[in-house]
Amino acid sequence: MSEAVETPPKKNNGWVRTVVDYGATLAFGATFFITKDFQKATWVLVAASVAALAIGFAVERRLALLPLFYGAMALVFGVLGLVFHSEVFLKVKVTVINASLAVFMFGGALTGRAPLRAIMGDAIHMADAAWRTLTLRYGGYFAFAALANEVVRNTLSTEHWVIFRFVLIGLAVLFTFSQVPFIMKHMAQGDEPAAVEPPDVGF
């Protein structure tokens, strides 16, 4: 009787994705609420963003497109905030990123492309019509996030804005879960259910 060959389990690097996505965000929030100093928190954000991206690349030998984009923008706007001693850069970054992604999504859908498919890579296989619908939904989320950030940053205190950023991340996760039934319905036959990246991975 032949014996089944046991396949060694895949190494689980889920913790790496969590560190890359949310490590800098948690470090920023903790520093701000402990010190009440936005500049110190920004220093921590910049340092933690560099460390998180370095850890992610060292372990996985690659960086997913969306976390890389968010991480790079956090560095650029964080450094600008430190140089000019202003909170505005980090606050407005949320608007710039989400508005840019909304335009990217809507523009791609209107021209018959599926930019969301490029971001998600080969994790999900769906028909073009399904990708267009999902792209428009993500575009709507990004537009909402940009508008909400403008309202909050112009009407509430810095402390309330930091709280809002964590709330917005929670809303992004809820939005992602709300799209899972649609994705499962339109996935190609035989595809394994794939984890979908939330459309917000931190500061």
N, C-alpha and C. Protein backbone atom coordinates (compact mmCIF):
# COMPACT_ATOMS: atom_id res chain seq x y z
N MET A 1 0.85 -1.20 0.00
CA MET A 1 0.00 0.00 0.00
C MET A 1 0.88 1.24 0.00
N SER A 2 0.61 2.13 -0.90
CA SER A 2 1.43 3.34 -1.00
C SER A 2 1.02 4.32 0.09
N GLU A 3 2.02 5.02 0.61
CA GLU A 3 1.75 5.99 1.65
C GLU A 3 1.60 7.37 1.04
N ALA A 4 0.64 8.12 1.55
CA ALA A 4 0.43 9.48 1.05
C ALA A 4 1.59 10.36 1.48
N VAL A 5 2.07 11.14 0.54
CA VAL A 5 3.17 12.05 0.85
C VAL A 5 2.61 13.27 1.56
N GLU A 6 3.14 13.54 2.72
CA GLU A 6 2.64 14.68 3.50
C GLU A 6 3.30 15.96 3.03
N THR A 7 2.46 16.91 2.65
CA THR A 7 2.98 18.20 2.20
C THR A 7 3.20 19.10 3.39
N PRO A 8 4.40 19.65 3.51
CA PRO A 8 4.66 20.52 4.66
C PRO A 8 3.77 21.74 4.62
N PRO A 9 3.26 22.16 5.76
CA PRO A 9 2.36 23.31 5.78
C PRO A 9 3.07 24.57 5.34
N LYS A 10 2.30 25.44 4.68
CA LYS A 10 2.85 26.71 4.24
C LYS A 10 3.13 27.60 5.45
N LYS A 11 4.19 28.33 5.34
CA LYS A 11 4.52 29.25 6.42
C LYS A 11 3.49 30.37 6.45
N ASN A 12 2.95 30.63 7.62
CA ASN A 12 1.92 31.65 7.75
C ASN A 12 2.56 32.99 8.06
N ASN A 13 2.45 33.91 7.10
CA ASN A 13 3.02 35.24 7.28
C ASN A 13 1.92 36.28 7.48
N GLY A 14 0.77 35.85 8.01
CA GLY A 14 -0.33 36.78 8.21
C GLY A 14 0.04 37.93 9.13
N TRP A 15 0.89 37.64 10.11
CA TRP A 15 1.30 38.70 11.03
C TRP A 15 2.09 39.79 10.31
N VAL A 16 2.80 39.40 9.27
CA VAL A 16 3.58 40.38 8.51
C VAL A 16 2.65 41.37 7.83
N ARG A 17 1.57 40.85 7.21
CA ARG A 17 0.61 41.72 6.54
C ARG A 17 -0.02 42.68 7.54
N THR A 18 -0.31 42.20 8.76
CA THR A 18 -0.90 43.06 9.79
C THR A 18 0.06 44.16 10.19
N VAL A 19 1.35 43.81 10.36
CA VAL A 19 2.36 44.79 10.73
C VAL A 19 2.51 45.85 9.65
N VAL A 20 2.60 45.40 8.39
CA VAL A 20 2.78 46.32 7.27
C VAL A 20 1.58 47.25 7.14
N ASP A 21 0.37 46.68 7.29
CA ASP A 21 -0.83 47.46 7.07
C ASP A 21 -1.15 48.41 8.22
N TYR A 22 -1.02 47.93 9.46
CA TYR A 22 -1.56 48.70 10.58
C TYR A 22 -0.56 49.04 11.68
N GLY A 23 0.67 48.56 11.57
CA GLY A 23 1.66 48.84 12.62
C GLY A 23 1.92 50.32 12.80
N ALA A 24 2.14 51.04 11.70
CA ALA A 24 2.43 52.47 11.78
C ALA A 24 1.22 53.24 12.30
N THR A 25 0.03 52.81 11.89
CA THR A 25 -1.20 53.47 12.35
C THR A 25 -1.36 53.36 13.86
N LEU A 26 -1.19 52.14 14.38
CA LEU A 26 -1.32 51.94 15.83
C LEU A 26 -0.25 52.70 16.60
N ALA A 27 0.97 52.74 16.05
CA ALA A 27 2.05 53.48 16.71
C ALA A 27 1.74 54.97 16.75
N PHE A 28 1.23 55.49 15.63
CA PHE A 28 0.86 56.92 15.58
C PHE A 28 -0.23 57.23 16.60
N GLY A 29 -1.29 56.43 16.60
CA GLY A 29 -2.40 56.67 17.50
C GLY A 29 -2.00 56.59 18.96
N ALA A 30 -1.22 55.56 19.30
CA ALA A 30 -0.78 55.40 20.69
C ALA A 30 0.06 56.59 21.13
N THR A 31 1.00 57.01 20.27
CA THR A 31 1.87 58.14 20.61
C THR A 31 1.08 59.42 20.78
N PHE A 32 0.12 59.65 19.88
CA PHE A 32 -0.66 60.88 19.97
C PHE A 32 -1.49 60.94 21.25
N PHE A 33 -2.18 59.85 21.58
CA PHE A 33 -3.06 59.88 22.74
C PHE A 33 -2.28 59.85 24.06
N ILE A 34 -1.03 59.37 24.03
CA ILE A 34 -0.19 59.39 25.23
C ILE A 34 0.43 60.77 25.43
N THR A 35 0.95 61.35 24.35
CA THR A 35 1.69 62.62 24.45
C THR A 35 0.86 63.85 24.13
N LYS A 36 -0.25 63.65 23.39
CA LYS A 36 -1.07 64.77 22.88
C LYS A 36 -0.24 65.71 22.00
N ASP A 37 0.79 65.16 21.39
CA ASP A 37 1.70 65.94 20.55
C ASP A 37 1.67 65.36 19.13
N PHE A 38 1.08 66.11 18.21
CA PHE A 38 0.93 65.63 16.83
C PHE A 38 2.28 65.47 16.14
N GLN A 39 3.21 66.36 16.44
CA GLN A 39 4.53 66.28 15.81
C GLN A 39 5.28 65.03 16.23
N LYS A 40 5.25 64.73 17.53
CA LYS A 40 5.92 63.50 18.00
C LYS A 40 5.27 62.27 17.36
N ALA A 41 3.94 62.29 17.29
CA ALA A 41 3.23 61.17 16.67
C ALA A 41 3.59 61.03 15.21
N THR A 42 3.82 62.16 14.54
CA THR A 42 4.21 62.11 13.13
C THR A 42 5.60 61.52 12.97
N TRP A 43 6.52 61.88 13.86
CA TRP A 43 7.85 61.27 13.84
C TRP A 43 7.75 59.76 13.97
N VAL A 44 6.92 59.32 14.90
CA VAL A 44 6.72 57.88 15.11
C VAL A 44 6.11 57.24 13.87
N LEU A 45 5.15 57.93 13.25
CA LEU A 45 4.51 57.41 12.04
C LEU A 45 5.52 57.20 10.92
N VAL A 46 6.37 58.19 10.70
CA VAL A 46 7.37 58.10 9.63
C VAL A 46 8.33 56.94 9.90
N ALA A 47 8.84 56.86 11.13
CA ALA A 47 9.78 55.79 11.48
C ALA A 47 9.11 54.42 11.38
N ALA A 48 7.87 54.32 11.89
CA ALA A 48 7.17 53.03 11.88
C ALA A 48 6.79 52.61 10.46
N SER A 49 6.49 53.58 9.60
CA SER A 49 6.17 53.26 8.20
C SER A 49 7.37 52.65 7.49
N VAL A 50 8.54 53.25 7.71
CA VAL A 50 9.77 52.70 7.12
C VAL A 50 10.03 51.30 7.65
N ALA A 51 9.90 51.11 8.96
CA ALA A 51 10.16 49.80 9.58
C ALA A 51 9.17 48.75 9.07
N ALA A 52 7.88 49.12 8.98
CA ALA A 52 6.86 48.17 8.54
C ALA A 52 7.10 47.71 7.11
N LEU A 53 7.43 48.66 6.23
CA LEU A 53 7.68 48.30 4.83
C LEU A 53 8.94 47.43 4.72
N ALA A 54 9.96 47.75 5.52
CA ALA A 54 11.20 46.96 5.49
C ALA A 54 10.94 45.54 5.98
N ILE A 55 10.15 45.40 7.06
CA ILE A 55 9.83 44.07 7.58
C ILE A 55 9.04 43.27 6.56
N GLY A 56 8.03 43.93 5.95
CA GLY A 56 7.22 43.25 4.95
C GLY A 56 8.03 42.75 3.78
N PHE A 57 8.95 43.57 3.29
CA PHE A 57 9.77 43.16 2.15
C PHE A 57 10.76 42.08 2.54
N ALA A 58 11.34 42.18 3.73
CA ALA A 58 12.33 41.20 4.18
C ALA A 58 11.71 39.81 4.32
N VAL A 59 10.47 39.75 4.81
CA VAL A 59 9.83 38.46 5.06
C VAL A 59 9.16 37.90 3.81
N GLU A 60 8.42 38.76 3.08
CA GLU A 60 7.64 38.27 1.94
C GLU A 60 8.33 38.47 0.59
N ARG A 61 9.42 39.23 0.58
CA ARG A 61 10.17 39.52 -0.65
C ARG A 61 9.31 40.23 -1.71
N ARG A 62 8.27 40.89 -1.23
CA ARG A 62 7.44 41.68 -2.13
C ARG A 62 6.60 42.63 -1.27
N LEU A 63 6.02 43.66 -1.92
CA LEU A 63 5.13 44.57 -1.23
C LEU A 63 3.87 44.72 -2.08
N ALA A 64 2.71 44.45 -1.48
CA ALA A 64 1.46 44.60 -2.19
C ALA A 64 1.28 46.06 -2.60
N LEU A 65 0.62 46.27 -3.74
CA LEU A 65 0.55 47.60 -4.34
C LEU A 65 -0.11 48.62 -3.44
N LEU A 66 -1.28 48.29 -2.88
CA LEU A 66 -2.01 49.28 -2.08
C LEU A 66 -1.29 49.63 -0.78
N PRO A 67 -0.81 48.65 0.02
CA PRO A 67 -0.05 49.01 1.22
C PRO A 67 1.22 49.81 0.89
N LEU A 68 1.88 49.49 -0.23
CA LEU A 68 3.07 50.23 -0.63
C LEU A 68 2.71 51.67 -0.94
N PHE A 69 1.60 51.86 -1.65
CA PHE A 69 1.14 53.21 -2.00
C PHE A 69 0.83 54.01 -0.75
N TYR A 70 0.07 53.42 0.17
CA TYR A 70 -0.27 54.12 1.41
C TYR A 70 0.98 54.41 2.24
N GLY A 71 1.89 53.45 2.31
CA GLY A 71 3.10 53.65 3.09
C GLY A 71 3.97 54.77 2.53
N ALA A 72 4.11 54.79 1.20
CA ALA A 72 4.91 55.84 0.56
C ALA A 72 4.29 57.21 0.78
N MET A 73 2.96 57.30 0.68
CA MET A 73 2.29 58.58 0.88
C MET A 73 2.40 59.03 2.34
N ALA A 74 2.35 58.07 3.27
CA ALA A 74 2.52 58.42 4.68
C ALA A 74 3.90 59.02 4.91
N LEU A 75 4.90 58.48 4.25
CA LEU A 75 6.25 59.01 4.39
C LEU A 75 6.36 60.41 3.80
N VAL A 76 5.83 60.60 2.59
CA VAL A 76 5.93 61.90 1.92
C VAL A 76 5.21 62.98 2.72
N PHE A 77 3.94 62.75 3.05
CA PHE A 77 3.17 63.77 3.76
C PHE A 77 3.63 63.91 5.20
N GLY A 78 4.09 62.81 5.80
CA GLY A 78 4.61 62.90 7.16
C GLY A 78 5.86 63.75 7.23
N VAL A 79 6.77 63.56 6.29
CA VAL A 79 7.99 64.37 6.25
C VAL A 79 7.67 65.83 5.99
N LEU A 80 6.72 66.10 5.09
CA LEU A 80 6.31 67.49 4.83
C LEU A 80 5.75 68.13 6.11
N GLY A 81 4.96 67.36 6.86
CA GLY A 81 4.41 67.89 8.10
C GLY A 81 5.49 68.20 9.12
N LEU A 82 6.54 67.37 9.16
CA LEU A 82 7.64 67.60 10.09
C LEU A 82 8.47 68.81 9.67
N VAL A 83 8.73 68.93 8.38
CA VAL A 83 9.55 70.03 7.87
C VAL A 83 8.86 71.37 8.11
N PHE A 84 7.55 71.42 7.84
CA PHE A 84 6.82 72.69 7.96
C PHE A 84 6.08 72.83 9.30
N HIS A 85 6.26 71.85 10.21
CA HIS A 85 5.64 71.88 11.53
C HIS A 85 4.13 72.15 11.43
N SER A 86 3.48 71.38 10.59
CA SER A 86 2.05 71.57 10.34
C SER A 86 1.32 70.24 10.36
N GLU A 87 0.14 70.24 10.96
CA GLU A 87 -0.71 69.05 10.98
C GLU A 87 -1.47 68.87 9.66
N VAL A 88 -1.55 69.94 8.89
CA VAL A 88 -2.40 69.94 7.70
C VAL A 88 -1.98 68.87 6.71
N PHE A 89 -0.69 68.68 6.51
CA PHE A 89 -0.22 67.74 5.50
C PHE A 89 -0.72 66.32 5.75
N LEU A 90 -0.59 65.86 6.99
CA LEU A 90 -1.02 64.50 7.30
C LEU A 90 -2.54 64.36 7.23
N LYS A 91 -3.23 65.43 7.62
CA LYS A 91 -4.69 65.39 7.56
C LYS A 91 -5.19 65.38 6.11
N VAL A 92 -4.61 66.24 5.30
CA VAL A 92 -5.09 66.36 3.92
C VAL A 92 -4.66 65.16 3.07
N LYS A 93 -3.65 64.44 3.55
CA LYS A 93 -3.21 63.24 2.82
C LYS A 93 -4.37 62.27 2.60
N VAL A 94 -5.22 62.13 3.60
CA VAL A 94 -6.35 61.21 3.50
C VAL A 94 -7.27 61.62 2.35
N THR A 95 -7.49 62.92 2.22
CA THR A 95 -8.32 63.43 1.13
C THR A 95 -7.66 63.19 -0.22
N VAL A 96 -6.37 63.52 -0.30
CA VAL A 96 -5.64 63.40 -1.57
C VAL A 96 -5.62 61.94 -2.04
N ILE A 97 -5.31 61.02 -1.14
CA ILE A 97 -5.23 59.61 -1.51
C ILE A 97 -6.58 59.07 -1.96
N ASN A 98 -7.62 59.32 -1.15
CA ASN A 98 -8.92 58.76 -1.48
C ASN A 98 -9.54 59.41 -2.71
N ALA A 99 -9.36 60.71 -2.87
CA ALA A 99 -9.87 61.38 -4.06
C ALA A 99 -9.16 60.87 -5.31
N SER A 100 -7.85 60.68 -5.21
CA SER A 100 -7.07 60.17 -6.35
C SER A 100 -7.52 58.76 -6.73
N LEU A 101 -7.73 57.92 -5.71
CA LEU A 101 -8.17 56.55 -5.98
C LEU A 101 -9.59 56.52 -6.53
N ALA A 102 -10.46 57.45 -6.08
CA ALA A 102 -11.82 57.52 -6.61
C ALA A 102 -11.79 57.88 -8.09
N VAL A 103 -10.98 58.88 -8.45
CA VAL A 103 -10.84 59.26 -9.86
C VAL A 103 -10.27 58.11 -10.67
N PHE A 104 -9.28 57.42 -10.10
CA PHE A 104 -8.66 56.27 -10.76
C PHE A 104 -9.69 55.17 -11.04
N MET A 105 -10.53 54.89 -10.04
CA MET A 105 -11.55 53.84 -10.19
C MET A 105 -12.62 54.24 -11.19
N PHE A 106 -13.19 55.43 -11.01
CA PHE A 106 -14.26 55.88 -11.91
C PHE A 106 -13.75 56.05 -13.34
N GLY A 107 -12.55 56.62 -13.47
CA GLY A 107 -11.97 56.81 -14.80
C GLY A 107 -11.72 55.49 -15.50
N GLY A 108 -11.20 54.52 -14.74
CA GLY A 108 -10.96 53.20 -15.32
C GLY A 108 -12.24 52.53 -15.75
N ALA A 109 -13.28 52.62 -14.91
CA ALA A 109 -14.56 51.99 -15.25
C ALA A 109 -15.18 52.63 -16.48
N LEU A 110 -15.08 53.95 -16.59
CA LEU A 110 -15.68 54.66 -17.73
C LEU A 110 -14.95 54.38 -19.04
N THR A 111 -13.68 54.04 -18.96
CA THR A 111 -12.90 53.74 -20.17
C THR A 111 -12.82 52.24 -20.46
N GLY A 112 -13.63 51.46 -19.73
CA GLY A 112 -13.68 50.01 -19.98
C GLY A 112 -12.54 49.22 -19.36
N ARG A 113 -11.81 49.83 -18.45
CA ARG A 113 -10.72 49.12 -17.78
C ARG A 113 -11.15 48.71 -16.38
N ALA A 114 -10.33 47.90 -15.73
CA ALA A 114 -10.63 47.46 -14.37
C ALA A 114 -9.40 47.68 -13.49
N PRO A 115 -9.17 48.94 -13.06
CA PRO A 115 -7.98 49.21 -12.24
C PRO A 115 -7.96 48.43 -10.93
N LEU A 116 -9.13 48.10 -10.42
CA LEU A 116 -9.19 47.33 -9.17
C LEU A 116 -8.59 45.95 -9.36
N ARG A 117 -8.76 45.38 -10.55
CA ARG A 117 -8.20 44.05 -10.83
C ARG A 117 -6.67 44.12 -10.79
N ALA A 118 -6.10 45.25 -11.28
CA ALA A 118 -4.64 45.40 -11.25
C ALA A 118 -4.14 45.49 -9.81
N ILE A 119 -4.92 46.15 -8.94
CA ILE A 119 -4.52 46.29 -7.54
C ILE A 119 -4.60 44.96 -6.81
N MET A 120 -5.67 44.21 -7.06
CA MET A 120 -5.87 42.94 -6.37
C MET A 120 -5.04 41.81 -6.95
N GLY A 121 -4.52 42.00 -8.14
CA GLY A 121 -3.69 40.99 -8.76
C GLY A 121 -4.49 39.78 -9.20
N ASP A 122 -3.89 38.59 -9.07
CA ASP A 122 -4.53 37.35 -9.53
C ASP A 122 -5.28 36.63 -8.42
N ALA A 123 -5.54 37.33 -7.31
CA ALA A 123 -6.20 36.66 -6.19
C ALA A 123 -7.64 36.29 -6.51
N ILE A 124 -8.29 37.08 -7.39
CA ILE A 124 -9.70 36.87 -7.71
C ILE A 124 -9.88 36.87 -9.23
N HIS A 125 -10.68 35.94 -9.73
CA HIS A 125 -11.00 35.87 -11.16
C HIS A 125 -12.50 36.06 -11.34
N MET A 126 -12.88 37.13 -12.06
CA MET A 126 -14.29 37.42 -12.31
C MET A 126 -14.46 37.93 -13.74
N ALA A 127 -15.70 37.93 -14.19
CA ALA A 127 -16.00 38.47 -15.52
C ALA A 127 -15.80 39.99 -15.51
N ASP A 128 -15.60 40.55 -16.70
CA ASP A 128 -15.35 42.00 -16.81
C ASP A 128 -16.48 42.83 -16.22
N ALA A 129 -17.73 42.41 -16.44
CA ALA A 129 -18.88 43.18 -15.93
C ALA A 129 -18.86 43.22 -14.40
N ALA A 130 -18.49 42.10 -13.77
CA ALA A 130 -18.42 42.06 -12.31
C ALA A 130 -17.30 42.96 -11.80
N TRP A 131 -16.16 42.93 -12.49
CA TRP A 131 -15.06 43.81 -12.10
C TRP A 131 -15.46 45.27 -12.20
N ARG A 132 -16.21 45.62 -13.25
CA ARG A 132 -16.64 47.01 -13.42
C ARG A 132 -17.55 47.44 -12.27
N THR A 133 -18.49 46.57 -11.89
CA THR A 133 -19.38 46.89 -10.77
C THR A 133 -18.60 47.06 -9.48
N LEU A 134 -17.67 46.14 -9.22
CA LEU A 134 -16.88 46.21 -7.99
C LEU A 134 -15.99 47.46 -7.99
N THR A 135 -15.44 47.79 -9.15
CA THR A 135 -14.60 48.98 -9.27
C THR A 135 -15.40 50.24 -8.96
N LEU A 136 -16.63 50.33 -9.47
CA LEU A 136 -17.48 51.48 -9.19
C LEU A 136 -17.83 51.57 -7.71
N ARG A 137 -18.05 50.43 -7.09
CA ARG A 137 -18.35 50.42 -5.65
C ARG A 137 -17.16 50.93 -4.84
N TYR A 138 -15.97 50.46 -5.19
CA TYR A 138 -14.77 50.94 -4.49
C TYR A 138 -14.56 52.43 -4.76
N GLY A 139 -14.83 52.86 -5.98
CA GLY A 139 -14.73 54.28 -6.30
C GLY A 139 -15.67 55.11 -5.44
N GLY A 140 -16.88 54.59 -5.22
CA GLY A 140 -17.83 55.28 -4.36
C GLY A 140 -17.35 55.36 -2.92
N TYR A 141 -16.73 54.27 -2.42
CA TYR A 141 -16.19 54.30 -1.07
C TYR A 141 -15.08 55.35 -0.95
N PHE A 142 -14.16 55.36 -1.91
CA PHE A 142 -13.05 56.31 -1.86
C PHE A 142 -13.56 57.75 -1.90
N ALA A 143 -14.57 58.02 -2.74
CA ALA A 143 -15.14 59.37 -2.82
C ALA A 143 -15.78 59.76 -1.48
N PHE A 144 -16.50 58.82 -0.86
CA PHE A 144 -17.10 59.08 0.46
C PHE A 144 -16.02 59.38 1.50
N ALA A 145 -14.94 58.59 1.50
CA ALA A 145 -13.88 58.77 2.49
C ALA A 145 -13.21 60.13 2.33
N ALA A 146 -12.99 60.55 1.08
CA ALA A 146 -12.37 61.86 0.83
C ALA A 146 -13.26 62.99 1.33
N LEU A 147 -14.56 62.90 1.02
CA LEU A 147 -15.50 63.94 1.45
C LEU A 147 -15.63 63.98 2.97
N ALA A 148 -15.74 62.79 3.59
CA ALA A 148 -15.88 62.73 5.04
C ALA A 148 -14.65 63.31 5.73
N ASN A 149 -13.47 63.04 5.20
CA ASN A 149 -12.25 63.57 5.80
C ASN A 149 -12.21 65.09 5.73
N GLU A 150 -12.65 65.65 4.59
CA GLU A 150 -12.66 67.10 4.47
C GLU A 150 -13.61 67.73 5.48
N VAL A 151 -14.76 67.12 5.68
CA VAL A 151 -15.72 67.64 6.66
C VAL A 151 -15.14 67.60 8.06
N VAL A 152 -14.56 66.45 8.43
CA VAL A 152 -14.05 66.27 9.80
C VAL A 152 -12.85 67.17 10.06
N ARG A 153 -11.89 67.22 9.13
CA ARG A 153 -10.67 67.98 9.41
C ARG A 153 -10.93 69.49 9.45
N ASN A 154 -12.00 69.94 8.80
CA ASN A 154 -12.31 71.38 8.78
C ASN A 154 -13.30 71.80 9.86
N THR A 155 -13.90 70.83 10.56
CA THR A 155 -14.92 71.19 11.55
C THR A 155 -14.61 70.70 12.96
N LEU A 156 -13.75 69.69 13.10
CA LEU A 156 -13.49 69.12 14.42
C LEU A 156 -12.03 69.31 14.84
N SER A 157 -11.76 69.01 16.10
CA SER A 157 -10.40 69.16 16.64
C SER A 157 -9.48 68.08 16.12
N THR A 158 -8.19 68.27 16.35
CA THR A 158 -7.20 67.27 15.94
C THR A 158 -7.44 65.93 16.62
N GLU A 159 -7.77 65.96 17.90
CA GLU A 159 -8.04 64.71 18.62
C GLU A 159 -9.22 63.97 18.00
N HIS A 160 -10.25 64.71 17.64
CA HIS A 160 -11.41 64.07 17.01
C HIS A 160 -11.06 63.55 15.61
N TRP A 161 -10.15 64.24 14.93
CA TRP A 161 -9.74 63.78 13.61
C TRP A 161 -9.00 62.45 13.72
N VAL A 162 -8.12 62.32 14.71
CA VAL A 162 -7.39 61.06 14.90
C VAL A 162 -8.37 59.92 15.19
N ILE A 163 -9.35 60.19 16.03
CA ILE A 163 -10.38 59.17 16.31
C ILE A 163 -11.12 58.81 15.03
N PHE A 164 -11.45 59.84 14.24
CA PHE A 164 -12.15 59.62 12.97
C PHE A 164 -11.35 58.71 12.05
N ARG A 165 -10.01 58.85 12.03
CA ARG A 165 -9.18 58.02 11.15
C ARG A 165 -9.32 56.54 11.51
N PHE A 166 -9.39 56.26 12.80
CA PHE A 166 -9.57 54.86 13.20
C PHE A 166 -10.98 54.38 12.86
N VAL A 167 -11.95 55.27 13.01
CA VAL A 167 -13.33 54.92 12.62
C VAL A 167 -13.39 54.64 11.12
N LEU A 168 -12.68 55.44 10.33
CA LEU A 168 -12.70 55.27 8.87
C LEU A 168 -12.06 53.93 8.47
N ILE A 169 -11.04 53.51 9.19
CA ILE A 169 -10.44 52.20 8.92
C ILE A 169 -11.45 51.10 9.22
N GLY A 170 -12.19 51.26 10.33
CA GLY A 170 -13.23 50.28 10.65
C GLY A 170 -14.31 50.23 9.58
N LEU A 171 -14.69 51.40 9.06
CA LEU A 171 -15.69 51.45 7.99
C LEU A 171 -15.17 50.77 6.72
N ALA A 172 -13.86 50.93 6.46
CA ALA A 172 -13.26 50.28 5.29
C ALA A 172 -13.34 48.76 5.41
N VAL A 173 -13.08 48.25 6.61
CA VAL A 173 -13.17 46.81 6.84
C VAL A 173 -14.62 46.33 6.65
N LEU A 174 -15.57 47.08 7.19
CA LEU A 174 -16.99 46.73 7.03
C LEU A 174 -17.40 46.76 5.56
N PHE A 175 -16.92 47.77 4.83
CA PHE A 175 -17.22 47.86 3.41
C PHE A 175 -16.69 46.63 2.67
N THR A 176 -15.47 46.23 3.02
CA THR A 176 -14.87 45.06 2.38
C THR A 176 -15.70 43.81 2.62
N PHE A 177 -16.11 43.60 3.87
CA PHE A 177 -16.93 42.43 4.19
C PHE A 177 -18.26 42.47 3.45
N SER A 178 -18.80 43.68 3.24
CA SER A 178 -20.08 43.80 2.55
C SER A 178 -19.98 43.41 1.08
N GLN A 179 -18.76 43.42 0.53
CA GLN A 179 -18.56 43.07 -0.88
C GLN A 179 -18.27 41.58 -1.08
N VAL A 180 -17.99 40.87 0.02
CA VAL A 180 -17.64 39.46 -0.10
C VAL A 180 -18.74 38.62 -0.78
N PRO A 181 -20.03 38.79 -0.42
CA PRO A 181 -21.06 38.00 -1.12
C PRO A 181 -21.07 38.23 -2.63
N PHE A 182 -20.87 39.48 -3.05
CA PHE A 182 -20.83 39.77 -4.49
C PHE A 182 -19.64 39.07 -5.15
N ILE A 183 -18.48 39.14 -4.49
CA ILE A 183 -17.28 38.50 -5.04
C ILE A 183 -17.45 37.00 -5.12
N MET A 184 -17.97 36.40 -4.05
CA MET A 184 -18.18 34.95 -4.04
C MET A 184 -19.15 34.52 -5.15
N LYS A 185 -20.16 35.34 -5.39
CA LYS A 185 -21.16 35.01 -6.40
C LYS A 185 -20.58 35.02 -7.80
N HIS A 186 -19.62 35.92 -8.05
CA HIS A 186 -19.10 36.10 -9.40
C HIS A 186 -17.71 35.50 -9.62
N MET A 187 -17.14 34.87 -8.59
CA MET A 187 -15.84 34.25 -8.75
C MET A 187 -15.90 33.10 -9.73
N ALA A 188 -14.79 32.87 -10.42
CA ALA A 188 -14.73 31.78 -11.40
C ALA A 188 -14.86 30.44 -10.68
N GLN A 189 -15.45 29.47 -11.38
CA GLN A 189 -15.61 28.12 -10.84
C GLN A 189 -14.25 27.53 -10.46
N GLY A 190 -14.17 26.97 -9.26
CA GLY A 190 -12.94 26.32 -8.83
C GLY A 190 -11.97 27.22 -8.11
N ASP A 191 -12.22 28.54 -8.12
CA ASP A 191 -11.35 29.46 -7.40
C ASP A 191 -11.52 29.29 -5.89
N GLU A 192 -10.41 29.41 -5.18
CA GLU A 192 -10.47 29.39 -3.72
C GLU A 192 -10.87 30.78 -3.23
N PRO A 193 -11.69 30.85 -2.16
CA PRO A 193 -12.02 32.16 -1.59
C PRO A 193 -10.74 32.89 -1.19
N ALA A 194 -10.63 34.14 -1.61
CA ALA A 194 -9.41 34.91 -1.35
C ALA A 194 -9.69 36.04 -0.38
N ALA A 195 -8.68 36.37 0.42
CA ALA A 195 -8.80 37.50 1.33
C ALA A 195 -8.72 38.79 0.52
N VAL A 196 -9.66 39.69 0.77
CA VAL A 196 -9.72 40.94 0.03
C VAL A 196 -9.14 42.04 0.90
N GLU A 197 -8.26 42.84 0.32
CA GLU A 197 -7.61 43.91 1.06
C GLU A 197 -8.59 45.05 1.31
N PRO A 198 -8.75 45.52 2.57
CA PRO A 198 -9.60 46.68 2.83
C PRO A 198 -9.07 47.91 2.08
N PRO A 199 -9.98 48.81 1.64
CA PRO A 199 -9.54 49.98 0.87
C PRO A 199 -8.98 51.09 1.75
N ASP A 200 -8.41 50.75 2.88
CA ASP A 200 -7.79 51.70 3.77
C ASP A 200 -6.86 50.93 4.68
N VAL A 201 -5.57 51.20 4.57
CA VAL A 201 -4.62 50.44 5.38
C VAL A 201 -3.82 51.39 6.29
N GLY A 202 -4.50 52.39 6.81
CA GLY A 202 -3.88 53.21 7.83
C GLY A 202 -3.53 54.62 7.41
N PHE A 203 -2.76 55.26 8.28
CA PHE A 203 -2.41 56.65 8.08
C PHE A 203 -1.48 56.82 6.89
